[in-house]
C-alpha atoms as a PDB file:
ATOM      1  CA  UNK A   1      13.073  -7.872   2.908  1.00  0.00           C
ATOM      2  CA  UNK A   2      10.036  -9.531   1.358  1.00  0.00           C
ATOM      3  CA  UNK A   3       8.167  -7.461  -1.195  1.00  0.00           C
ATOM      4  CA  UNK A   4       4.919  -8.307  -2.969  1.00  0.00           C
ATOM      5  CA  UNK A   5       4.889  -5.717  -5.733  1.00  0.00           C
ATOM      6  CA  UNK A   6       6.683  -2.616  -6.948  1.00  0.00           C
ATOM      7  CA  UNK A   7       5.119  -0.156  -9.379  1.00  0.00           C
ATOM      8  CA  UNK A   8       7.740   2.340 -10.402  1.00  0.00           C
ATOM      9  CA  UNK A   9       5.395   5.071 -11.630  1.00  0.00           C
ATOM     10  CA  UNK A  10       1.813   5.579 -10.471  1.00  0.00           C
ATOM     11  CA  UNK A  11      -0.631   8.440 -10.072  1.00  0.00           C
ATOM     12  CA  UNK A  12      -3.338   6.553  -8.148  1.00  0.00           C
ATOM     13  CA  UNK A  13      -1.491   5.514  -4.969  1.00  0.00           C
ATOM     14  CA  UNK A  14      -1.014   8.977  -3.508  1.00  0.00           C
ATOM     15  CA  UNK A  15      -0.442  12.554  -4.663  1.00  0.00           C
ATOM     16  CA  UNK A  16       1.579  13.308  -7.785  1.00  0.00           C
ATOM     17  CA  UNK A  17       3.831  10.935  -9.675  1.00  0.00           C
ATOM     18  CA  UNK A  18       5.262   8.381  -7.266  1.00  0.00           C
ATOM     19  CA  UNK A  19       6.444   4.833  -6.796  1.00  0.00           C
ATOM     20  CA  UNK A  20       4.336   2.329  -4.855  1.00  0.00           C
ATOM     21  CA  UNK A  21       5.851  -0.546  -2.896  1.00  0.00           C
ATOM     22  CA  UNK A  22       3.735  -3.334  -1.407  1.00  0.00           C
ATOM     23  CA  UNK A  23       5.514  -5.310   1.319  1.00  0.00           C
ATOM     24  CA  UNK A  24       4.746  -8.994   1.714  1.00  0.00           C
ATOM     25  CA  UNK A  25       3.199 -10.483   4.847  1.00  0.00           C
ATOM     26  CA  UNK A  26       0.677  -9.209   7.370  1.00  0.00           C
ATOM     27  CA  UNK A  27      -0.001 -10.197  10.983  1.00  0.00           C
ATOM     28  CA  UNK A  28      -3.122  -8.007  11.285  1.00  0.00           C
ATOM     29  CA  UNK A  29      -5.243  -9.771   8.646  1.00  0.00           C
ATOM     30  CA  UNK A  30      -8.286  -7.522   8.529  1.00  0.00           C
ATOM     31  CA  UNK A  31     -11.433  -9.353   7.347  1.00  0.00           C
ATOM     32  CA  UNK A  32     -12.114  -8.213   3.801  1.00  0.00           C
ATOM     33  CA  UNK A  33      -8.456  -7.368   3.157  1.00  0.00           C
ATOM     34  CA  UNK A  34      -8.029  -5.835  -0.297  1.00  0.00           C
ATOM     35  CA  UNK A  35      -4.792  -7.723  -1.041  1.00  0.00           C
ATOM     36  CA  UNK A  36      -5.206 -11.249   0.352  1.00  0.00           C
ATOM     37  CA  UNK A  37      -2.368 -12.658  -1.760  1.00  0.00           C
ATOM     38  CA  UNK A  38       0.038 -10.364   0.129  1.00  0.00           C
ATOM     39  CA  UNK A  39      -0.724 -11.805   3.599  1.00  0.00           C
ATOM     40  CA  UNK A  40       1.617 -14.809   3.603  1.00  0.00           C
ATOM     41  CA  UNK A  41       5.006 -13.674   4.989  1.00  0.00           C
ATOM     42  CA  UNK A  42       6.726 -16.348   2.897  1.00  0.00           C
ATOM     43  CA  UNK A  43       5.270 -15.119  -0.386  1.00  0.00           C
ATOM     44  CA  UNK A  44       6.557 -12.451  -2.712  1.00  0.00           C
ATOM     45  CA  UNK A  45      10.240 -12.034  -3.446  1.00  0.00           C
ATOM     46  CA  UNK A  46      13.310 -11.275  -1.381  1.00  0.00           C
ATOM     47  CA  UNK A  47      15.059  -7.946  -2.018  1.00  0.00           C
ATOM     48  CA  UNK A  48      18.066  -6.296  -0.424  1.00  0.00           C
ATOM     49  CA  UNK A  49      16.754  -3.070   1.178  1.00  0.00           C
ATOM     50  CA  UNK A  50      19.833  -1.019   0.255  1.00  0.00           C
ATOM     51  CA  UNK A  51      19.760  -2.083  -3.389  1.00  0.00           C
ATOM     52  CA  UNK A  52      16.010  -1.482  -3.522  1.00  0.00           C
ATOM     53  CA  UNK A  53      16.452   2.011  -2.055  1.00  0.00           C
ATOM     54  CA  UNK A  54      19.024   2.827  -4.720  1.00  0.00           C
ATOM     55  CA  UNK A  55      16.634   1.605  -7.404  1.00  0.00           C
ATOM     56  CA  UNK A  56      13.841   3.776  -6.029  1.00  0.00           C
ATOM     57  CA  UNK A  57      16.077   6.829  -5.719  1.00  0.00           C
ATOM     58  CA  UNK A  58      16.858   6.670  -9.437  1.00  0.00           C
ATOM     59  CA  UNK A  59      13.186   6.850 -10.476  1.00  0.00           C
ATOM     60  CA  UNK A  60      11.699  10.074 -11.943  1.00  0.00           C
ATOM     61  CA  UNK A  61       9.071  10.403  -9.199  1.00  0.00           C
ATOM     62  CA  UNK A  62       8.235  12.770  -6.348  1.00  0.00           C
ATOM     63  CA  UNK A  63       7.868  10.168  -3.656  1.00  0.00           C
ATOM     64  CA  UNK A  64       7.090   6.671  -2.436  1.00  0.00           C
ATOM     65  CA  UNK A  65       3.901   5.111  -1.067  1.00  0.00           C
ATOM     66  CA  UNK A  66       4.331   2.082   1.202  1.00  0.00           C
ATOM     67  CA  UNK A  67       1.504  -0.450   1.342  1.00  0.00           C
ATOM     68  CA  UNK A  68       1.005  -4.137   1.948  1.00  0.00           C
ATOM     69  CA  UNK A  69       0.624  -6.582   3.414  1.00  0.00           C
ATOM     70  CA  UNK A  70       1.766  -4.718   6.499  1.00  0.00           C
ATOM     71  CA  UNK A  71       4.922  -2.612   6.045  1.00  0.00           C
ATOM     72  CA  UNK A  72       5.602  -2.331   9.778  1.00  0.00           C
ATOM     73  CA  UNK A  73       5.871  -6.102  10.145  1.00  0.00           C
ATOM     74  CA  UNK A  74       9.281  -5.641   8.495  1.00  0.00           C
ATOM     75  CA  UNK A  75      10.240  -2.553  10.470  1.00  0.00           C
ATOM     76  CA  UNK A  76      13.991  -3.279  10.692  1.00  0.00           C
ATOM     77  CA  UNK A  77      14.395  -3.793   6.942  1.00  0.00           C
ATOM     78  CA  UNK A  78      12.041  -0.911   6.184  1.00  0.00           C
ATOM     79  CA  UNK A  79      14.117   1.473   8.287  1.00  0.00           C
ATOM     80  CA  UNK A  80      17.246   0.499   6.349  1.00  0.00           C
ATOM     81  CA  UNK A  81      15.476   1.169   3.057  1.00  0.00           C
ATOM     82  CA  UNK A  82      13.999   4.511   4.122  1.00  0.00           C
ATOM     83  CA  UNK A  83      17.168   5.901   5.661  1.00  0.00           C
ATOM     84  CA  UNK A  84      19.117   5.022   2.524  1.00  0.00           C
ATOM     85  CA  UNK A  85      16.386   6.592   0.373  1.00  0.00           C
ATOM     86  CA  UNK A  86      16.401   9.785   2.451  1.00  0.00           C
ATOM     87  CA  UNK A  87      20.180   9.975   2.132  1.00  0.00           C
ATOM     88  CA  UNK A  88      19.956   9.694  -1.651  1.00  0.00           C
ATOM     89  CA  UNK A  89      17.620  12.630  -2.254  1.00  0.00           C
ATOM     90  CA  UNK A  90      14.408  14.544  -1.571  1.00  0.00           C
ATOM     91  CA  UNK A  91      11.750  11.827  -1.494  1.00  0.00           C
ATOM     92  CA  UNK A  92       8.273  12.188   0.001  1.00  0.00           C
ATOM     93  CA  UNK A  93       7.257   9.058   1.925  1.00  0.00           C
ATOM     94  CA  UNK A  94       3.657   8.047   2.670  1.00  0.00           C
ATOM     95  CA  UNK A  95       2.998   4.987   4.826  1.00  0.00           C
ATOM     96  CA  UNK A  96      -0.253   3.006   4.842  1.00  0.00           C
ATOM     97  CA  UNK A  97      -0.361   0.799   7.941  1.00  0.00           C
ATOM     98  CA  UNK A  98      -3.081  -1.282   9.571  1.00  0.00           C
ATOM     99  CA  UNK A  99      -1.733  -0.608  13.058  1.00  0.00           C
ATOM    100  CA  UNK A 100      -3.654   2.010  15.095  1.00  0.00           C
ATOM    101  CA  UNK A 101      -1.890   5.343  15.477  1.00  0.00           C
ATOM    102  CA  UNK A 102      -1.205   4.929  19.213  1.00  0.00           C
ATOM    103  CA  UNK A 103       0.724   1.723  18.470  1.00  0.00           C
ATOM    104  CA  UNK A 104       2.553   3.220  15.489  1.00  0.00           C
ATOM    105  CA  UNK A 105       3.845   6.226  17.402  1.00  0.00           C
ATOM    106  CA  UNK A 106       4.971   4.216  20.434  1.00  0.00           C
ATOM    107  CA  UNK A 107       6.411   1.097  18.774  1.00  0.00           C
ATOM    108  CA  UNK A 108       7.787   2.458  15.506  1.00  0.00           C
ATOM    109  CA  UNK A 109       9.246   5.961  16.106  1.00  0.00           C
ATOM    110  CA  UNK A 110      12.279   5.080  13.976  1.00  0.00           C
ATOM    111  CA  UNK A 111       9.992   4.570  10.959  1.00  0.00           C
ATOM    112  CA  UNK A 112       8.084   7.785  11.624  1.00  0.00           C
ATOM    113  CA  UNK A 113      11.412   9.659  11.492  1.00  0.00           C
ATOM    114  CA  UNK A 114      11.569   8.663   7.803  1.00  0.00           C
ATOM    115  CA  UNK A 115       7.946   9.375   6.825  1.00  0.00           C
ATOM    116  CA  UNK A 116       6.082  12.518   5.836  1.00  0.00           C
ATOM    117  CA  UNK A 117       2.527  11.224   6.180  1.00  0.00           C
ATOM    118  CA  UNK A 118       0.902   8.136   7.713  1.00  0.00           C
ATOM    119  CA  UNK A 119      -2.504   6.537   7.244  1.00  0.00           C
ATOM    120  CA  UNK A 120      -3.086   4.408  10.347  1.00  0.00           C
ATOM    121  CA  UNK A 121      -5.660   1.876  11.442  1.00  0.00           C
ATOM    122  CA  UNK A 122      -7.060  -1.469  10.318  1.00  0.00           C
ATOM    123  CA  UNK A 123      -9.535  -1.826   7.504  1.00  0.00           C
ATOM    124  CA  UNK A 124     -13.044  -2.275   8.931  1.00  0.00           C
ATOM    125  CA  UNK A 125     -15.582  -3.501   6.413  1.00  0.00           C
ATOM    126  CA  UNK A 126     -18.450  -2.124   8.513  1.00  0.00           C
ATOM    127  CA  UNK A 127     -17.013   1.376   7.989  1.00  0.00           C
ATOM    128  CA  UNK A 128     -16.418   1.023   4.250  1.00  0.00           C
ATOM    129  CA  UNK A 129     -16.545   2.879   1.929  1.00  0.00           C
ATOM    130  CA  UNK A 130     -14.738   5.983   3.077  1.00  0.00           C
ATOM    131  CA  UNK A 131     -15.448   9.355   1.425  1.00  0.00           C
ATOM    132  CA  UNK A 132     -11.697  10.096   1.279  1.00  0.00           C
ATOM    133  CA  UNK A 133      -9.471   9.186  -1.657  1.00  0.00           C
ATOM    134  CA  UNK A 134      -7.050   6.283  -1.017  1.00  0.00           C
ATOM    135  CA  UNK A 135      -8.663   5.438   2.363  1.00  0.00           C
ATOM    136  CA  UNK A 136     -10.490   2.153   2.934  1.00  0.00           C
ATOM    137  CA  UNK A 137     -12.696   2.784   5.996  1.00  0.00           C
ATOM    138  CA  UNK A 138     -13.777   5.741   8.101  1.00  0.00           C
ATOM    139  CA  UNK A 139     -12.000   4.562  11.277  1.00  0.00           C
ATOM    140  CA  UNK A 140      -8.580   5.064   9.644  1.00  0.00           C
ATOM    141  CA  UNK A 141      -6.687   8.219  10.587  1.00  0.00           C
ATOM    142  CA  UNK A 142      -4.289  10.520   8.728  1.00  0.00           C
ATOM    143  CA  UNK A 143      -1.191  12.082  10.299  1.00  0.00           C
ATOM    144  CA  UNK A 144       1.033  14.673   8.625  1.00  0.00           C
ATOM    145  CA  UNK A 145       4.488  14.405  10.200  1.00  0.00           C
ATOM    146  CA  UNK A 146       6.202  17.104   8.130  1.00  0.00           C
ATOM    147  CA  UNK A 147       5.073  20.098   6.096  1.00  0.00           C
ATOM    148  CA  UNK A 148       5.455  18.213   2.824  1.00  0.00           C
ATOM    149  CA  UNK A 149       1.891  16.869   2.738  1.00  0.00           C
ATOM    150  CA  UNK A 150       0.327  18.995   5.480  1.00  0.00           C
ATOM    151  CA  UNK A 151      -1.952  20.826   3.030  1.00  0.00           C
ATOM    152  CA  UNK A 152      -3.066  17.490   1.620  1.00  0.00           C
ATOM    153  CA  UNK A 153      -3.932  16.214   5.090  1.00  0.00           C
ATOM    154  CA  UNK A 154      -5.876  19.395   5.860  1.00  0.00           C
ATOM    155  CA  UNK A 155      -7.945  19.197   2.653  1.00  0.00           C
ATOM    156  CA  UNK A 156      -7.977  15.518   1.753  1.00  0.00           C
ATOM    157  CA  UNK A 157      -9.442  14.825  -1.704  1.00  0.00           C
ATOM    158  CA  UNK A 158     -12.743  13.027  -2.149  1.00  0.00           C
ATOM    159  CA  UNK A 159     -12.864   9.342  -3.018  1.00  0.00           C
ATOM    160  CA  UNK A 160     -13.037   8.252  -6.623  1.00  0.00           C
ATOM    161  CA  UNK A 161     -12.760   5.002  -8.537  1.00  0.00           C
ATOM    162  CA  UNK A 162      -9.533   4.836 -10.517  1.00  0.00           C
ATOM    163  CA  UNK A 163      -7.223   2.165 -11.854  1.00  0.00           C
ATOM    164  CA  UNK A 164      -4.006   1.909 -13.840  1.00  0.00           C
ATOM    165  CA  UNK A 165      -2.993  -0.894 -16.172  1.00  0.00           C
ATOM    166  CA  UNK A 166       0.706  -1.746 -16.435  1.00  0.00           C
ATOM    167  CA  UNK A 167       2.117  -4.066 -19.079  1.00  0.00           C
ATOM    168  CA  UNK A 168       5.020  -6.124 -17.745  1.00  0.00           C
ATOM    169  CA  UNK A 169       6.319  -8.684 -20.213  1.00  0.00           C
ATOM    170  CA  UNK A 170       3.554 -11.241 -20.606  1.00  0.00           C
ATOM    171  CA  UNK A 171       1.685 -10.033 -17.500  1.00  0.00           C
ATOM    172  CA  UNK A 172      -0.796  -7.258 -16.838  1.00  0.00           C
ATOM    173  CA  UNK A 173      -0.734  -5.562 -13.419  1.00  0.00           C
ATOM    174  CA  UNK A 174      -3.769  -3.528 -12.366  1.00  0.00           C
ATOM    175  CA  UNK A 175      -3.631  -1.213  -9.363  1.00  0.00           C
ATOM    176  CA  UNK A 176      -5.799   1.487  -7.846  1.00  0.00           C
ATOM    177  CA  UNK A 177      -9.373   1.557  -6.569  1.00  0.00           C
ATOM    178  CA  UNK A 178     -11.557  -0.609  -8.819  1.00  0.00           C
ATOM    179  CA  UNK A 179     -15.302  -0.552  -9.295  1.00  0.00           C
ATOM    180  CA  UNK A 180     -17.474  -2.045  -6.536  1.00  0.00           C
ATOM    181  CA  UNK A 181     -17.903  -5.816  -6.604  1.00  0.00           C
ATOM    182  CA  UNK A 182     -14.824  -6.365  -8.756  1.00  0.00           C
ATOM    183  CA  UNK A 183     -14.068 -10.085  -8.247  1.00  0.00           C
ATOM    184  CA  UNK A 184     -10.883 -11.295  -6.600  1.00  0.00           C
ATOM    185  CA  UNK A 185      -8.298 -13.007  -8.841  1.00  0.00           C
ATOM    186  CA  UNK A 186      -8.673 -16.159  -6.725  1.00  0.00           C
ATOM    187  CA  UNK A 187     -10.202 -17.332  -3.415  1.00  0.00           C
ATOM    188  CA  UNK A 188     -10.088 -14.858  -0.538  1.00  0.00           C
ATOM    189  CA  UNK A 189      -8.315 -16.505   2.448  1.00  0.00           C
ATOM    190  CA  UNK A 190     -10.198 -14.501   5.073  1.00  0.00           C
ATOM    191  CA  UNK A 191     -13.720 -15.096   3.800  1.00  0.00           C
ATOM    192  CA  UNK A 192     -15.830 -18.253   3.373  1.00  0.00           C
ATOM    193  CA  UNK A 193     -15.992 -19.735  -0.115  1.00  0.00           C
ATOM    194  CA  UNK A 194     -18.342 -17.753  -2.324  1.00  0.00           C
ATOM    195  CA  UNK A 195     -20.983 -19.277  -4.573  1.00  0.00           C
ATOM    196  CA  UNK A 196     -20.147 -19.709  -8.224  1.00  0.00           C
ATOM    197  CA  UNK A 197     -19.558 -16.243  -9.727  1.00  0.00           C
ATOM    198  CA  UNK A 198     -22.133 -14.810 -12.067  1.00  0.00           C
ATOM    199  CA  UNK A 199     -19.430 -13.430 -14.337  1.00  0.00           C
ATOM    200  CA  UNK A 200     -15.859 -14.423 -15.189  1.00  0.00           C
ATOM    201  CA  UNK A 201     -13.243 -13.638 -12.551  1.00  0.00           C
ATOM    202  CA  UNK A 202      -9.882 -12.128 -13.339  1.00  0.00           C
ATOM    203  CA  UNK A 203      -7.246 -14.650 -14.320  1.00  0.00           C
ATOM    204  CA  UNK A 204      -4.621 -15.346 -11.622  1.00  0.00           C
ATOM    205  CA  UNK A 205      -2.083 -14.266 -14.232  1.00  0.00           C
ATOM    206  CA  UNK A 206      -3.594 -10.773 -14.123  1.00  0.00           C
ATOM    207  CA  UNK A 207      -2.929  -9.696 -10.497  1.00  0.00           C
ATOM    208  CA  UNK A 208      -5.069  -6.903  -9.112  1.00  0.00           C
ATOM    209  CA  UNK A 209      -3.283  -4.536  -6.736  1.00  0.00           C
ATOM    210  CA  UNK A 210      -5.682  -2.477  -4.658  1.00  0.00           C
ATOM    211  CA  UNK A 211      -5.240   0.490  -2.404  1.00  0.00           C
ATOM    212  CA  UNK A 212      -6.329   0.005   1.229  1.00  0.00           C
END
């Protein structure tokens, strides 16, 4: 499977201490996508889903958040990963997908069998920002599939700006929900070229990972 990024411990990509996995490639391509460098299905790196599941299962975290890109564009590989992860232990799984809920529940029931909570729906810039934490636009819907996060879904926390900074060798990885108007670390493929920035942009060597 093609993955864009893996953060092994985060507290800003869902409730509690969890891992966050961004899958590479997206066929939906919402205008204003928060992770444009993750759209190309040929980007990222190739990982064996079974080996990746074993790596995740060994982490000292409560659960896993799946983002992208679009995770469901790799549904076959994702199912292998999630079923192996479920077999290895008690892991809470949250899926962020750009597909509308009616498509998710009819086309991907095998993935839903492995998830506890799903955020569904494309990002719509006209309905941004959303007052809910971790949610990009007000059209997106939340679905608790098990009791694990049912209380969270019933009383979803309010939005807030938050980031984490991870040191990884010579690189710095930033994830979370940054301040408004934070510049992209490069040209956005779904938007026309912008005029010269009024302040320095982030270096391409400092990738910015954003929540939907």
